[in-house]
Amino acid sequence: MKILWLAAAAVVPLSQVSLAKRAGSHTATISHPQATIIGDEKLGVEVLPSIPFAKPPVGPLHLKSPQLIAELLGNMKLKE
């Protein structure tokens, strides 16, 4: 049990240092030829929720294998 406390005590200061270094950055961004995806930062963690990889499974695509997105997505601001 003492080992767990020592490990936690060693990790907490390191995580605070890394948060301080990144305090100026408020978004996570991925640039790709097909799209620029803009995420967010929450509690010091870069969050990129709901990145689309396939067409929505509606209509004739319902209950079928995922169909990859072929068209350009442009700039996307992701929301949870």
PDB file of N, CA and C in Angstrom:
ATOM      1  N   MET A   1       0.814  -1.191   0.000  1.00  0.00           N
ATOM      2  CA  MET A   1       0.000   0.000   0.000  1.00  0.00           C
ATOM      3  C   MET A   1       0.866   1.267   0.000  1.00  0.00           C
ATOM      4  N   LYS A   2       2.002   1.198   0.715  1.00  0.00           N
ATOM      5  CA  LYS A   2       2.897   2.350   0.739  1.00  0.00           C
ATOM      6  C   LYS A   2       3.459   2.634  -0.647  1.00  0.00           C
ATOM      7  N   ILE A   3       3.668   1.581  -1.427  1.00  0.00           N
ATOM      8  CA  ILE A   3       4.205   1.762  -2.780  1.00  0.00           C
ATOM      9  C   ILE A   3       3.219   2.538  -3.640  1.00  0.00           C
ATOM     10  N   LEU A   4       1.923   2.246  -3.509  1.00  0.00           N
ATOM     11  CA  LEU A   4       0.916   2.980  -4.277  1.00  0.00           C
ATOM     12  C   LEU A   4       0.922   4.462  -3.924  1.00  0.00           C
ATOM     13  N   TRP A   5       1.025   4.784  -2.634  1.00  0.00           N
ATOM     14  CA  TRP A   5       1.061   6.178  -2.221  1.00  0.00           C
ATOM     15  C   TRP A   5       2.315   6.880  -2.740  1.00  0.00           C
ATOM     16  N   LEU A   6       3.430   6.192  -2.716  1.00  0.00           N
ATOM     17  CA  LEU A   6       4.669   6.783  -3.234  1.00  0.00           C
ATOM     18  C   LEU A   6       4.574   7.016  -4.734  1.00  0.00           C
ATOM     19  N   ALA A   7       3.978   6.077  -5.454  1.00  0.00           N
ATOM     20  CA  ALA A   7       3.807   6.242  -6.900  1.00  0.00           C
ATOM     21  C   ALA A   7       2.883   7.414  -7.196  1.00  0.00           C
ATOM     22  N   ALA A   8       1.791   7.523  -6.452  1.00  0.00           N
ATOM     23  CA  ALA A   8       0.858   8.638  -6.652  1.00  0.00           C
ATOM     24  C   ALA A   8       1.527   9.967  -6.330  1.00  0.00           C
ATOM     25  N   ALA A   9       2.313  10.007  -5.281  1.00  0.00           N
ATOM     26  CA  ALA A   9       3.000  11.240  -4.901  1.00  0.00           C
ATOM     27  C   ALA A   9       4.016  11.653  -5.960  1.00  0.00           C
ATOM     28  N   ALA A  10       4.591  10.701  -6.666  1.00  0.00           N
ATOM     29  CA  ALA A  10       5.561  11.015  -7.715  1.00  0.00           C
ATOM     30  C   ALA A  10       4.874  11.480  -8.989  1.00  0.00           C
ATOM     31  N   VAL A  11       3.694  10.960  -9.289  1.00  0.00           N
ATOM     32  CA  VAL A  11       3.000  11.276 -10.540  1.00  0.00           C
ATOM     33  C   VAL A  11       2.290  12.617 -10.474  1.00  0.00           C
ATOM     34  N   VAL A  12       1.688  12.967  -9.357  1.00  0.00           N
ATOM     35  CA  VAL A  12       0.903  14.200  -9.251  1.00  0.00           C
ATOM     36  C   VAL A  12       1.724  15.440  -9.591  1.00  0.00           C
ATOM     37  N   PRO A  13       2.919  15.642  -9.048  1.00  0.00           N
ATOM     38  CA  PRO A  13       3.685  16.834  -9.439  1.00  0.00           C
ATOM     39  C   PRO A  13       4.044  16.847 -10.922  1.00  0.00           C
ATOM     40  N   LEU A  14       4.315  15.709 -11.505  1.00  0.00           N
ATOM     41  CA  LEU A  14       4.642  15.653 -12.928  1.00  0.00           C
ATOM     42  C   LEU A  14       3.454  16.068 -13.774  1.00  0.00           C
ATOM     43  N   SER A  15       2.246  15.634 -13.408  1.00  0.00           N
ATOM     44  CA  SER A  15       1.072  15.988 -14.189  1.00  0.00           C
ATOM     45  C   SER A  15       0.786  17.480 -14.087  1.00  0.00           C
ATOM     46  N   GLN A  16       1.026  18.094 -12.945  1.00  0.00           N
ATOM     47  CA  GLN A  16       0.800  19.520 -12.797  1.00  0.00           C
ATOM     48  C   GLN A  16       1.793  20.324 -13.624  1.00  0.00           C
ATOM     49  N   VAL A  17       3.017  19.850 -13.737  1.00  0.00           N
ATOM     50  CA  VAL A  17       4.017  20.530 -14.555  1.00  0.00           C
ATOM     51  C   VAL A  17       3.612  20.484 -16.018  1.00  0.00           C
ATOM     52  N   SER A  18       3.144  19.335 -16.500  1.00  0.00           N
ATOM     53  CA  SER A  18       2.759  19.231 -17.902  1.00  0.00           C
ATOM     54  C   SER A  18       1.537  20.088 -18.201  1.00  0.00           C
ATOM     55  N   LEU A  19       0.615  20.243 -17.233  1.00  0.00           N
ATOM     56  CA  LEU A  19      -0.534  21.120 -17.435  1.00  0.00           C
ATOM     57  C   LEU A  19      -0.091  22.575 -17.511  1.00  0.00           C
ATOM     58  N   ALA A  20       0.867  22.953 -16.701  1.00  0.00           N
ATOM     59  CA  ALA A  20       1.333  24.333 -16.707  1.00  0.00           C
ATOM     60  C   ALA A  20       2.000  24.675 -18.035  1.00  0.00           C
ATOM     61  N   LYS A  21       2.729  23.744 -18.612  1.00  0.00           N
ATOM     62  CA  LYS A  21       3.398  23.993 -19.889  1.00  0.00           C
ATOM     63  C   LYS A  21       2.396  24.190 -21.014  1.00  0.00           C
ATOM     64  N   ARG A  22       1.243  23.513 -20.933  1.00  0.00           N
ATOM     65  CA  ARG A  22       0.278  23.551 -22.018  1.00  0.00           C
ATOM     66  C   ARG A  22      -0.873  24.495 -21.732  1.00  0.00           C
ATOM     67  N   ALA A  23      -0.769  25.342 -20.750  1.00  0.00           N
ATOM     68  CA  ALA A  23      -1.885  26.193 -20.351  1.00  0.00           C
ATOM     69  C   ALA A  23      -2.350  27.110 -21.479  1.00  0.00           C
ATOM     70  N   GLY A  24      -1.465  27.509 -22.396  1.00  0.00           N
ATOM     71  CA  GLY A  24      -1.859  28.382 -23.484  1.00  0.00           C
ATOM     72  C   GLY A  24      -2.643  27.694 -24.579  1.00  0.00           C
ATOM     73  N   SER A  25      -2.604  26.387 -24.650  1.00  0.00           N
ATOM     74  CA  SER A  25      -3.290  25.639 -25.699  1.00  0.00           C
ATOM     75  C   SER A  25      -4.664  25.204 -25.209  1.00  0.00           C
ATOM     76  N   HIS A  26      -5.713  25.645 -25.906  1.00  0.00           N
ATOM     77  CA  HIS A  26      -7.069  25.299 -25.491  1.00  0.00           C
ATOM     78  C   HIS A  26      -7.766  24.368 -26.468  1.00  0.00           C
ATOM     79  N   THR A  27      -7.134  24.024 -27.571  1.00  0.00           N
ATOM     80  CA  THR A  27      -7.775  23.130 -28.531  1.00  0.00           C
ATOM     81  C   THR A  27      -6.798  22.067 -28.999  1.00  0.00           C
ATOM     82  N   ALA A  28      -7.361  20.950 -29.386  1.00  0.00           N
ATOM     83  CA  ALA A  28      -6.593  19.876 -30.008  1.00  0.00           C
ATOM     84  C   ALA A  28      -6.936  19.909 -31.493  1.00  0.00           C
ATOM     85  N   THR A  29      -5.939  19.940 -32.357  1.00  0.00           N
ATOM     86  CA  THR A  29      -6.179  20.045 -33.793  1.00  0.00           C
ATOM     87  C   THR A  29      -5.410  18.961 -34.529  1.00  0.00           C
ATOM     88  N   ILE A  30      -6.090  18.322 -35.469  1.00  0.00           N
ATOM     89  CA  ILE A  30      -5.463  17.337 -36.344  1.00  0.00           C
ATOM     90  C   ILE A  30      -5.612  17.840 -37.769  1.00  0.00           C
ATOM     91  N   SER A  31      -4.494  18.014 -38.466  1.00  0.00           N
ATOM     92  CA  SER A  31      -4.524  18.433 -39.868  1.00  0.00           C
ATOM     93  C   SER A  31      -4.254  17.228 -40.748  1.00  0.00           C
ATOM     94  N   HIS A  32      -5.115  17.038 -41.737  1.00  0.00           N
ATOM     95  CA  HIS A  32      -5.023  15.913 -42.660  1.00  0.00           C
ATOM     96  C   HIS A  32      -5.476  16.426 -44.018  1.00  0.00           C
ATOM     97  N   PRO A  33      -4.983  15.884 -45.120  1.00  0.00           N
ATOM     98  CA  PRO A  33      -5.415  16.370 -46.429  1.00  0.00           C
ATOM     99  C   PRO A  33      -6.932  16.294 -46.641  1.00  0.00           C
ATOM    100  N   GLN A  34      -7.597  15.360 -45.976  1.00  0.00           N
ATOM    101  CA  GLN A  34      -9.038  15.205 -46.162  1.00  0.00           C
ATOM    102  C   GLN A  34      -9.847  16.110 -45.237  1.00  0.00           C
ATOM    103  N   ALA A  35      -9.282  16.509 -44.098  1.00  0.00           N
ATOM    104  CA  ALA A  35     -10.032  17.326 -43.145  1.00  0.00           C
ATOM    105  C   ALA A  35      -9.091  17.952 -42.125  1.00  0.00           C
ATOM    106  N   THR A  36      -9.558  19.034 -41.513  1.00  0.00           N
ATOM    107  CA  THR A  36      -8.919  19.599 -40.334  1.00  0.00           C
ATOM    108  C   THR A  36      -9.905  19.416 -39.197  1.00  0.00           C
ATOM    109  N   ILE A  37      -9.523  18.650 -38.188  1.00  0.00           N
ATOM    110  CA  ILE A  37     -10.421  18.314 -37.091  1.00  0.00           C
ATOM    111  C   ILE A  37      -9.986  19.099 -35.865  1.00  0.00           C
ATOM    112  N   ILE A  38     -10.924  19.851 -35.305  1.00  0.00           N
ATOM    113  CA  ILE A  38     -10.648  20.700 -34.152  1.00  0.00           C
ATOM    114  C   ILE A  38     -11.402  20.141 -32.956  1.00  0.00           C
ATOM    115  N   GLY A  39     -10.662  19.773 -31.940  1.00  0.00           N
ATOM    116  CA  GLY A  39     -11.270  19.233 -30.732  1.00  0.00           C
ATOM    117  C   GLY A  39     -11.257  20.256 -29.616  1.00  0.00           C
ATOM    118  N   ASP A  40     -11.029  19.793 -28.404  1.00  0.00           N
ATOM    119  CA  ASP A  40     -11.067  20.658 -27.237  1.00  0.00           C
ATOM    120  C   ASP A  40     -10.082  20.127 -26.205  1.00  0.00           C
ATOM    121  N   GLU A  41      -9.884  20.868 -25.156  1.00  0.00           N
ATOM    122  CA  GLU A  41      -9.058  20.408 -24.044  1.00  0.00           C
ATOM    123  C   GLU A  41      -9.885  20.522 -22.780  1.00  0.00           C
ATOM    124  N   LYS A  42      -9.993  19.419 -22.057  1.00  0.00           N
ATOM    125  CA  LYS A  42     -10.759  19.398 -20.817  1.00  0.00           C
ATOM    126  C   LYS A  42      -9.905  18.782 -19.725  1.00  0.00           C
ATOM    127  N   LEU A  43      -9.738  19.516 -18.649  1.00  0.00           N
ATOM    128  CA  LEU A  43      -8.954  19.055 -17.503  1.00  0.00           C
ATOM    129  C   LEU A  43      -7.550  18.623 -17.906  1.00  0.00           C
ATOM    130  N   GLY A  44      -6.967  19.319 -18.879  1.00  0.00           N
ATOM    131  CA  GLY A  44      -5.610  19.026 -19.297  1.00  0.00           C
ATOM    132  C   GLY A  44      -5.474  17.873 -20.264  1.00  0.00           C
ATOM    133  N   VAL A  45      -6.598  17.358 -20.768  1.00  0.00           N
ATOM    134  CA  VAL A  45      -6.569  16.229 -21.695  1.00  0.00           C
ATOM    135  C   VAL A  45      -7.162  16.680 -23.023  1.00  0.00           C
ATOM    136  N   GLU A  46      -6.455  16.412 -24.122  1.00  0.00           N
ATOM    137  CA  GLU A  46      -6.984  16.738 -25.439  1.00  0.00           C
ATOM    138  C   GLU A  46      -8.104  15.768 -25.778  1.00  0.00           C
ATOM    139  N   VAL A  47      -9.271  16.315 -26.143  1.00  0.00           N
ATOM    140  CA  VAL A  47     -10.458  15.510 -26.400  1.00  0.00           C
ATOM    141  C   VAL A  47     -10.871  15.702 -27.852  1.00  0.00           C
ATOM    142  N   LEU A  48     -11.043  14.602 -28.563  1.00  0.00           N
ATOM    143  CA  LEU A  48     -11.513  14.619 -29.945  1.00  0.00           C
ATOM    144  C   LEU A  48     -12.705  13.659 -30.055  1.00  0.00           C
ATOM    145  N   PRO A  49     -13.881  14.073 -29.560  1.00  0.00           N
ATOM    146  CA  PRO A  49     -15.029  13.170 -29.576  1.00  0.00           C
ATOM    147  C   PRO A  49     -15.665  13.079 -30.956  1.00  0.00           C
ATOM    148  N   SER A  50     -16.226  11.951 -31.251  1.00  0.00           N
ATOM    149  CA  SER A  50     -17.058  11.757 -32.446  1.00  0.00           C
ATOM    150  C   SER A  50     -16.334  12.015 -33.756  1.00  0.00           C
ATOM    151  N   ILE A  51     -15.121  11.530 -33.914  1.00  0.00           N
ATOM    152  CA  ILE A  51     -14.439  11.660 -35.198  1.00  0.00           C
ATOM    153  C   ILE A  51     -15.119  10.707 -36.179  1.00  0.00           C
ATOM    154  N   PRO A  52     -15.688  11.229 -37.270  1.00  0.00           N
ATOM    155  CA  PRO A  52     -16.383  10.346 -38.206  1.00  0.00           C
ATOM    156  C   PRO A  52     -15.389   9.514 -39.017  1.00  0.00           C
ATOM    157  N   PHE A  53     -15.669   8.239 -39.172  1.00  0.00           N
ATOM    158  CA  PHE A  53     -14.830   7.368 -39.991  1.00  0.00           C
ATOM    159  C   PHE A  53     -15.656   6.682 -41.073  1.00  0.00           C
ATOM    160  N   ALA A  54     -16.979   6.739 -40.949  1.00  0.00           N
ATOM    161  CA  ALA A  54     -17.853   6.063 -41.902  1.00  0.00           C
ATOM    162  C   ALA A  54     -19.116   6.896 -42.104  1.00  0.00           C
ATOM    163  N   LYS A  55     -19.825   6.596 -43.189  1.00  0.00           N
ATOM    164  CA  LYS A  55     -21.099   7.264 -43.450  1.00  0.00           C
ATOM    165  C   LYS A  55     -22.111   6.827 -42.393  1.00  0.00           C
ATOM    166  N   PRO A  56     -23.070   7.698 -42.049  1.00  0.00           N
ATOM    167  CA  PRO A  56     -24.067   7.323 -41.047  1.00  0.00           C
ATOM    168  C   PRO A  56     -24.884   6.107 -41.504  1.00  0.00           C
ATOM    169  N   PRO A  57     -25.187   5.186 -40.598  1.00  0.00           N
ATOM    170  CA  PRO A  57     -25.925   3.970 -40.977  1.00  0.00           C
ATOM    171  C   PRO A  57     -27.434   4.200 -41.061  1.00  0.00           C
ATOM    172  N   VAL A  58     -27.847   5.015 -42.018  1.00  0.00           N
ATOM    173  CA  VAL A  58     -29.270   5.287 -42.212  1.00  0.00           C
ATOM    174  C   VAL A  58     -29.685   4.847 -43.605  1.00  0.00           C
ATOM    175  N   GLY A  59     -30.978   4.625 -43.797  1.00  0.00           N
ATOM    176  CA  GLY A  59     -31.502   4.219 -45.096  1.00  0.00           C
ATOM    177  C   GLY A  59     -30.933   2.884 -45.530  1.00  0.00           C
ATOM    178  N   PRO A  60     -30.410   2.812 -46.763  1.00  0.00           N
ATOM    179  CA  PRO A  60     -29.906   1.528 -47.266  1.00  0.00           C
ATOM    180  C   PRO A  60     -28.642   1.034 -46.546  1.00  0.00           C
ATOM    181  N   LEU A  61     -27.974   1.897 -45.790  1.00  0.00           N
ATOM    182  CA  LEU A  61     -26.769   1.483 -45.059  1.00  0.00           C
ATOM    183  C   LEU A  61     -27.095   0.892 -43.686  1.00  0.00           C
ATOM    184  N   HIS A  62     -28.367   0.911 -43.295  1.00  0.00           N
ATOM    185  CA  HIS A  62     -28.771   0.390 -41.987  1.00  0.00           C
ATOM    186  C   HIS A  62     -28.479  -1.106 -41.907  1.00  0.00           C
ATOM    187  N   LEU A  63     -27.821  -1.531 -40.841  1.00  0.00           N
ATOM    188  CA  LEU A  63     -27.449  -2.929 -40.591  1.00  0.00           C
ATOM    189  C   LEU A  63     -26.498  -3.497 -41.646  1.00  0.00           C
ATOM    190  N   LYS A  64     -25.722  -2.637 -42.282  1.00  0.00           N
ATOM    191  CA  LYS A  64     -24.701  -3.065 -43.248  1.00  0.00           C
ATOM    192  C   LYS A  64     -23.321  -2.762 -42.672  1.00  0.00           C
ATOM    193  N   SER A  65     -22.297  -3.254 -43.320  1.00  0.00           N
ATOM    194  CA  SER A  65     -20.922  -2.934 -42.919  1.00  0.00           C
ATOM    195  C   SER A  65     -20.675  -1.440 -43.103  1.00  0.00           C
ATOM    196  N   PRO A  66     -19.826  -0.831 -42.272  1.00  0.00           N
ATOM    197  CA  PRO A  66     -19.538   0.598 -42.414  1.00  0.00           C
ATOM    198  C   PRO A  66     -18.964   0.924 -43.794  1.00  0.00           C
ATOM    199  N   GLN A  67     -19.422   2.027 -44.359  1.00  0.00           N
ATOM    200  CA  GLN A  67     -18.926   2.523 -45.641  1.00  0.00           C
ATOM    201  C   GLN A  67     -18.027   3.725 -45.354  1.00  0.00           C
ATOM    202  N   LEU A  68     -16.764   3.634 -45.751  1.00  0.00           N
ATOM    203  CA  LEU A  68     -15.821   4.719 -45.486  1.00  0.00           C
ATOM    204  C   LEU A  68     -16.266   6.012 -46.158  1.00  0.00           C
ATOM    205  N   ILE A  69     -15.933   7.126 -45.546  1.00  0.00           N
ATOM    206  CA  ILE A  69     -16.248   8.434 -46.103  1.00  0.00           C
ATOM    207  C   ILE A  69     -15.244   8.725 -47.210  1.00  0.00           C
ATOM    208  N   ALA A  70     -15.738   9.026 -48.407  1.00  0.00           N
ATOM    209  CA  ALA A  70     -14.861   9.264 -49.550  1.00  0.00           C
ATOM    210  C   ALA A  70     -14.682  10.756 -49.838  1.00  0.00           C
ATOM    211  N   GLU A  71     -15.667  11.582 -49.494  1.00  0.00           N
ATOM    212  CA  GLU A  71     -15.596  13.004 -49.813  1.00  0.00           C
ATOM    213  C   GLU A  71     -14.769  13.756 -48.769  1.00  0.00           C
ATOM    214  N   LEU A  72     -14.325  14.955 -49.136  1.00  0.00           N
ATOM    215  CA  LEU A  72     -13.564  15.792 -48.215  1.00  0.00           C
ATOM    216  C   LEU A  72     -14.482  16.301 -47.112  1.00  0.00           C
ATOM    217  N   LEU A  73     -13.974  16.350 -45.909  1.00  0.00           N
ATOM    218  CA  LEU A  73     -14.785  16.782 -44.770  1.00  0.00           C
ATOM    219  C   LEU A  73     -14.597  18.258 -44.438  1.00  0.00           C
ATOM    220  N   GLY A  74     -13.518  18.864 -44.910  1.00  0.00           N
ATOM    221  CA  GLY A  74     -13.262  20.271 -44.623  1.00  0.00           C
ATOM    222  C   GLY A  74     -12.848  20.485 -43.179  1.00  0.00           C
ATOM    223  N   ASN A  75     -13.247  21.627 -42.602  1.00  0.00           N
ATOM    224  CA  ASN A  75     -12.942  21.924 -41.196  1.00  0.00           C
ATOM    225  C   ASN A  75     -14.092  21.441 -40.332  1.00  0.00           C
ATOM    226  N   MET A  76     -13.768  20.677 -39.305  1.00  0.00           N
ATOM    227  CA  MET A  76     -14.796  20.136 -38.424  1.00  0.00           C
ATOM    228  C   MET A  76     -14.488  20.525 -36.988  1.00  0.00           C
ATOM    229  N   LYS A  77     -15.446  21.136 -36.311  1.00  0.00           N
ATOM    230  CA  LYS A  77     -15.336  21.413 -34.870  1.00  0.00           C
ATOM    231  C   LYS A  77     -16.153  20.339 -34.178  1.00  0.00           C
ATOM    232  N   LEU A  78     -15.480  19.463 -33.445  1.00  0.00           N
ATOM    233  CA  LEU A  78     -16.145  18.324 -32.820  1.00  0.00           C
ATOM    234  C   LEU A  78     -16.799  18.721 -31.511  1.00  0.00           C
ATOM    235  N   LYS A  79     -17.981  18.178 -31.286  1.00  0.00           N
ATOM    236  CA  LYS A  79     -18.728  18.387 -30.044  1.00  0.00           C
ATOM    237  C   LYS A  79     -19.025  17.037 -29.438  1.00  0.00           C
ATOM    238  N   GLU A  80     -19.216  17.011 -28.135  1.00  0.00           N
ATOM    239  CA  GLU A  80     -19.561  15.752 -27.465  1.00  0.00           C
ATOM    240  C   GLU A  80     -21.011  15.428 -27.690  1.00  0.00           C
TER     241      GLU A  80
END
